[in-house]
Amino acid sequence: MKFFLSVLAGILLLSVPASLSASEVILYGGAQKPGSLSWANANPLDVASDLAGDFGSTFGLRYSAGRVVGFEQSIAYSPRFARPGVRAFQMDSNLVVQAPGKIVPYGTFGIGIVRTWGQDIPTSFDPGQITAFVFSVGNNFAINYGGGLKMRRLWGPLGINIDVRGYTLPGVQVIYEDITVIDKSLRFIQTTAGLTINW
């Protein structure tokens, strides 16, 4: 058994350079739909409600390597996240499992960071300002999961990518005048389409 595990480990190590030789860059854009955050302990606003996210936009760049099992690094910017005036920056590192070939279904799972900002502490009871403030939550750890379809080398090295991912930001907190007004997970769905460059 020990010999078998050693041989298996050796085969895996020798196959890494070949599997990583298939690389691609994906330039993408798309939409995001965050869920809602509960505004608890409503003082001094004297309201208690679920503040629902609205559709937003995102664009970014992914670099991936590997034929069947590989990795992916991505960086993205959202000029409108959840509400007008709220922006977001994302960085992710993912494991990718995909079929070989020209038309490639794949699944992915990873971790990253999502930073949202934009609205300072509300200066009035304007619901738009309050909601934008709630979604301006700063830096948060993120888990993402999803999949998609790559159509490689349709025009020379160029192809198309369609992708759907779910994101979970566990333990989002917003503190207002030493009162924790939000403390729950934020989830959002991101759907993108992009141009792939393969080599």
Protein backbone atom coordinates (compact mmCIF):
# COMPACT_ATOMS: atom_id res chain seq x y z
CA MET A 1 0.00 0.00 0.00
CA LYS A 2 2.82 2.38 0.88
CA PHE A 3 4.54 1.63 -2.45
CA PHE A 4 1.26 2.24 -4.33
CA LEU A 5 0.78 5.64 -2.63
CA SER A 6 4.39 6.60 -3.42
CA VAL A 7 3.96 5.68 -7.10
CA LEU A 8 0.66 7.59 -7.26
CA ALA A 9 2.26 10.67 -5.67
CA GLY A 10 5.15 10.46 -8.17
CA ILE A 11 2.78 10.24 -11.13
CA LEU A 12 0.81 13.25 -9.88
CA LEU A 13 3.98 15.32 -9.41
CA LEU A 14 5.25 14.42 -12.89
CA SER A 15 1.89 15.32 -14.47
CA VAL A 16 1.70 18.82 -12.93
CA PRO A 17 3.84 20.63 -15.54
CA ALA A 18 1.87 19.09 -18.42
CA SER A 19 -1.49 19.91 -16.87
CA LEU A 20 -0.45 23.49 -16.14
CA SER A 21 0.76 24.05 -19.69
CA ALA A 22 -2.81 24.76 -20.86
CA SER A 23 -3.43 28.37 -19.87
CA GLU A 24 -5.99 31.02 -20.64
CA VAL A 25 -7.04 34.54 -19.81
CA ILE A 26 -10.71 35.50 -19.63
CA LEU A 27 -11.86 39.11 -19.95
CA TYR A 28 -15.44 39.24 -18.67
CA GLY A 29 -18.36 41.44 -17.76
CA GLY A 30 -21.70 40.71 -16.18
CA ALA A 31 -24.32 41.33 -13.53
CA GLN A 32 -24.65 40.69 -9.81
CA LYS A 33 -27.74 40.31 -7.63
CA PRO A 34 -27.07 40.53 -3.88
CA GLY A 35 -29.59 39.24 -1.39
CA SER A 36 -30.81 41.25 1.59
CA LEU A 37 -29.30 42.33 4.89
CA SER A 38 -31.41 42.77 8.04
CA TRP A 39 -31.16 46.15 9.70
CA ALA A 40 -31.36 45.02 13.33
CA ASN A 41 -31.09 47.18 16.49
CA ALA A 42 -32.45 50.05 14.46
CA ASN A 43 -31.54 52.90 16.82
CA PRO A 44 -31.30 55.75 15.99
CA LEU A 45 -33.34 55.10 12.84
CA ASP A 46 -36.36 53.54 14.60
CA VAL A 47 -36.95 51.21 11.66
CA ALA A 48 -36.40 47.49 11.29
CA SER A 49 -36.47 45.94 7.87
CA ASP A 50 -34.70 43.75 5.36
CA LEU A 51 -32.74 45.89 2.95
CA ALA A 52 -32.73 44.11 -0.39
CA GLY A 53 -29.89 44.39 -2.85
CA ASP A 54 -30.48 45.54 -6.40
CA PHE A 55 -28.84 44.43 -9.63
CA GLY A 56 -25.29 45.64 -10.15
CA SER A 57 -22.55 45.25 -12.73
CA THR A 58 -19.04 43.82 -12.72
CA PHE A 59 -16.08 43.37 -15.03
CA GLY A 60 -12.74 41.71 -14.55
CA LEU A 61 -9.95 39.38 -15.57
CA ARG A 62 -9.38 35.69 -14.82
CA TYR A 63 -6.19 33.73 -15.39
CA SER A 64 -6.45 29.95 -15.28
CA ALA A 65 -4.11 27.04 -15.90
CA GLY A 66 -4.66 23.32 -16.08
CA ARG A 67 -6.23 20.81 -18.43
CA VAL A 68 -8.60 18.81 -16.21
CA VAL A 69 -7.78 19.97 -12.68
CA GLY A 70 -6.33 23.45 -12.41
CA PHE A 71 -6.42 26.75 -10.64
CA GLU A 72 -7.78 30.20 -11.37
CA GLN A 73 -6.94 33.70 -10.12
CA SER A 74 -9.39 36.52 -10.72
CA ILE A 75 -9.68 40.23 -10.04
CA ALA A 76 -12.84 42.27 -10.63
CA TYR A 77 -14.37 45.71 -10.09
CA SER A 78 -18.06 46.50 -9.68
CA PRO A 79 -18.95 50.15 -10.35
CA ARG A 80 -22.45 49.46 -8.98
CA PHE A 81 -22.81 46.81 -6.27
CA ALA A 82 -26.28 46.27 -4.75
CA ARG A 83 -27.22 49.96 -4.83
CA PRO A 84 -26.26 53.17 -6.67
CA GLY A 85 -23.16 54.71 -5.09
CA VAL A 86 -21.79 51.40 -3.74
CA ARG A 87 -18.71 49.97 -5.45
CA ALA A 88 -16.89 46.67 -4.93
CA PHE A 89 -13.50 45.10 -5.58
CA GLN A 90 -13.06 41.29 -5.66
CA MET A 91 -10.07 38.94 -5.66
CA ASP A 92 -10.53 35.16 -5.82
CA SER A 93 -8.39 32.02 -5.90
CA ASN A 94 -10.22 28.94 -7.15
CA LEU A 95 -9.84 25.26 -7.90
CA VAL A 96 -11.26 24.40 -11.34
CA VAL A 97 -12.34 20.95 -12.55
CA GLN A 98 -13.10 20.84 -16.27
CA ALA A 99 -13.48 18.52 -19.22
CA PRO A 100 -10.73 18.55 -21.85
CA GLY A 101 -11.56 19.67 -25.36
CA LYS A 102 -12.88 22.60 -27.32
CA ILE A 103 -16.29 22.85 -25.62
CA VAL A 104 -15.54 22.66 -21.91
CA PRO A 105 -18.08 22.48 -19.07
CA TYR A 106 -16.46 23.20 -15.71
CA GLY A 107 -17.08 23.57 -12.00
CA THR A 108 -15.19 25.78 -9.60
CA PHE A 109 -14.87 26.48 -5.88
CA GLY A 110 -12.67 29.00 -4.09
CA ILE A 111 -12.07 31.74 -1.55
CA GLY A 112 -11.32 35.41 -1.80
CA ILE A 113 -11.91 38.93 -0.58
CA VAL A 114 -14.75 41.31 -1.42
CA ARG A 115 -14.41 44.99 -0.46
CA THR A 116 -17.43 47.27 -0.79
CA TRP A 117 -17.48 51.02 -0.20
CA GLY A 118 -19.20 54.21 -1.28
CA GLN A 119 -21.82 55.58 1.10
CA ASP A 120 -20.79 57.28 4.34
CA ILE A 121 -23.01 57.35 7.43
CA PRO A 122 -26.48 58.57 6.34
CA THR A 123 -27.13 62.26 7.02
CA SER A 124 -30.91 61.92 6.68
CA PHE A 125 -33.65 59.31 6.73
CA ASP A 126 -33.37 58.88 2.97
CA PRO A 127 -33.97 55.12 2.33
CA GLY A 128 -31.52 55.16 -0.60
CA GLN A 129 -28.68 56.52 1.57
CA ILE A 130 -29.48 54.10 4.39
CA THR A 131 -29.51 51.08 2.07
CA ALA A 132 -26.30 52.15 0.30
CA PHE A 133 -24.62 52.62 3.70
CA VAL A 134 -25.65 49.12 4.78
CA PHE A 135 -24.10 47.56 1.65
CA SER A 136 -20.85 49.58 2.07
CA VAL A 137 -19.49 46.92 4.43
CA GLY A 138 -15.73 47.19 3.89
CA ASN A 139 -13.45 44.13 3.63
CA ASN A 140 -14.98 40.67 3.88
CA PHE A 141 -13.82 37.09 3.40
CA ALA A 142 -15.75 35.38 0.60
CA ILE A 143 -16.49 31.84 -0.54
CA ASN A 144 -17.52 31.29 -4.15
CA TYR A 145 -18.82 28.28 -6.06
CA GLY A 146 -20.27 27.74 -9.49
CA GLY A 147 -19.54 26.69 -13.02
CA GLY A 148 -19.90 27.47 -16.63
CA LEU A 149 -19.02 26.67 -20.19
CA LYS A 150 -15.90 27.56 -22.19
CA MET A 151 -15.89 27.41 -25.97
CA ARG A 152 -12.19 27.51 -26.83
CA ARG A 153 -10.39 28.46 -30.02
CA LEU A 154 -13.41 29.52 -32.06
CA TRP A 155 -11.36 32.18 -33.88
CA GLY A 156 -7.68 31.24 -33.59
CA PRO A 157 -6.78 31.57 -29.88
CA LEU A 158 -10.07 33.37 -29.07
CA GLY A 159 -13.18 31.81 -27.56
CA ILE A 160 -16.18 32.50 -25.34
CA ASN A 161 -16.87 31.86 -21.65
CA ILE A 162 -20.24 31.86 -19.83
CA ASP A 163 -20.13 31.61 -16.03
CA VAL A 164 -22.53 31.63 -13.04
CA ARG A 165 -21.23 31.82 -9.47
CA GLY A 166 -22.67 32.14 -6.03
CA TYR A 167 -20.81 34.15 -3.41
CA THR A 168 -21.20 33.99 0.37
CA LEU A 169 -19.73 36.64 2.67
CA PRO A 170 -20.10 35.12 6.15
CA GLY A 171 -20.47 37.38 9.18
CA VAL A 172 -20.93 40.76 7.51
CA GLN A 173 -20.98 43.44 10.22
CA VAL A 174 -21.93 47.11 10.11
CA ILE A 175 -21.34 49.10 13.29
CA TYR A 176 -23.06 52.48 13.75
CA GLU A 177 -22.26 54.54 16.87
CA ASP A 178 -20.98 51.43 18.71
CA ILE A 179 -24.15 49.48 17.88
CA THR A 180 -23.88 46.44 15.63
CA VAL A 181 -26.74 46.99 13.22
CA ILE A 182 -25.89 44.17 10.81
CA ASP A 183 -24.38 40.80 11.63
CA LYS A 184 -25.32 38.13 9.10
CA SER A 185 -24.16 36.50 5.87
CA LEU A 186 -24.54 38.27 2.55
CA ARG A 187 -25.04 36.13 -0.55
CA PHE A 188 -25.05 37.18 -4.16
CA ILE A 189 -25.21 35.61 -7.61
CA GLN A 190 -22.83 36.72 -10.35
CA THR A 191 -23.49 35.92 -14.00
CA THR A 192 -20.82 36.80 -16.58
CA ALA A 193 -19.86 36.33 -20.18
CA GLY A 194 -16.39 36.86 -21.55
CA LEU A 195 -13.74 36.49 -24.18
CA THR A 196 -11.11 33.76 -23.66
CA ILE A 197 -7.55 33.85 -24.98
CA ASN A 198 -5.92 30.40 -24.98
CA TRP A 199 -2.33 29.25 -25.42
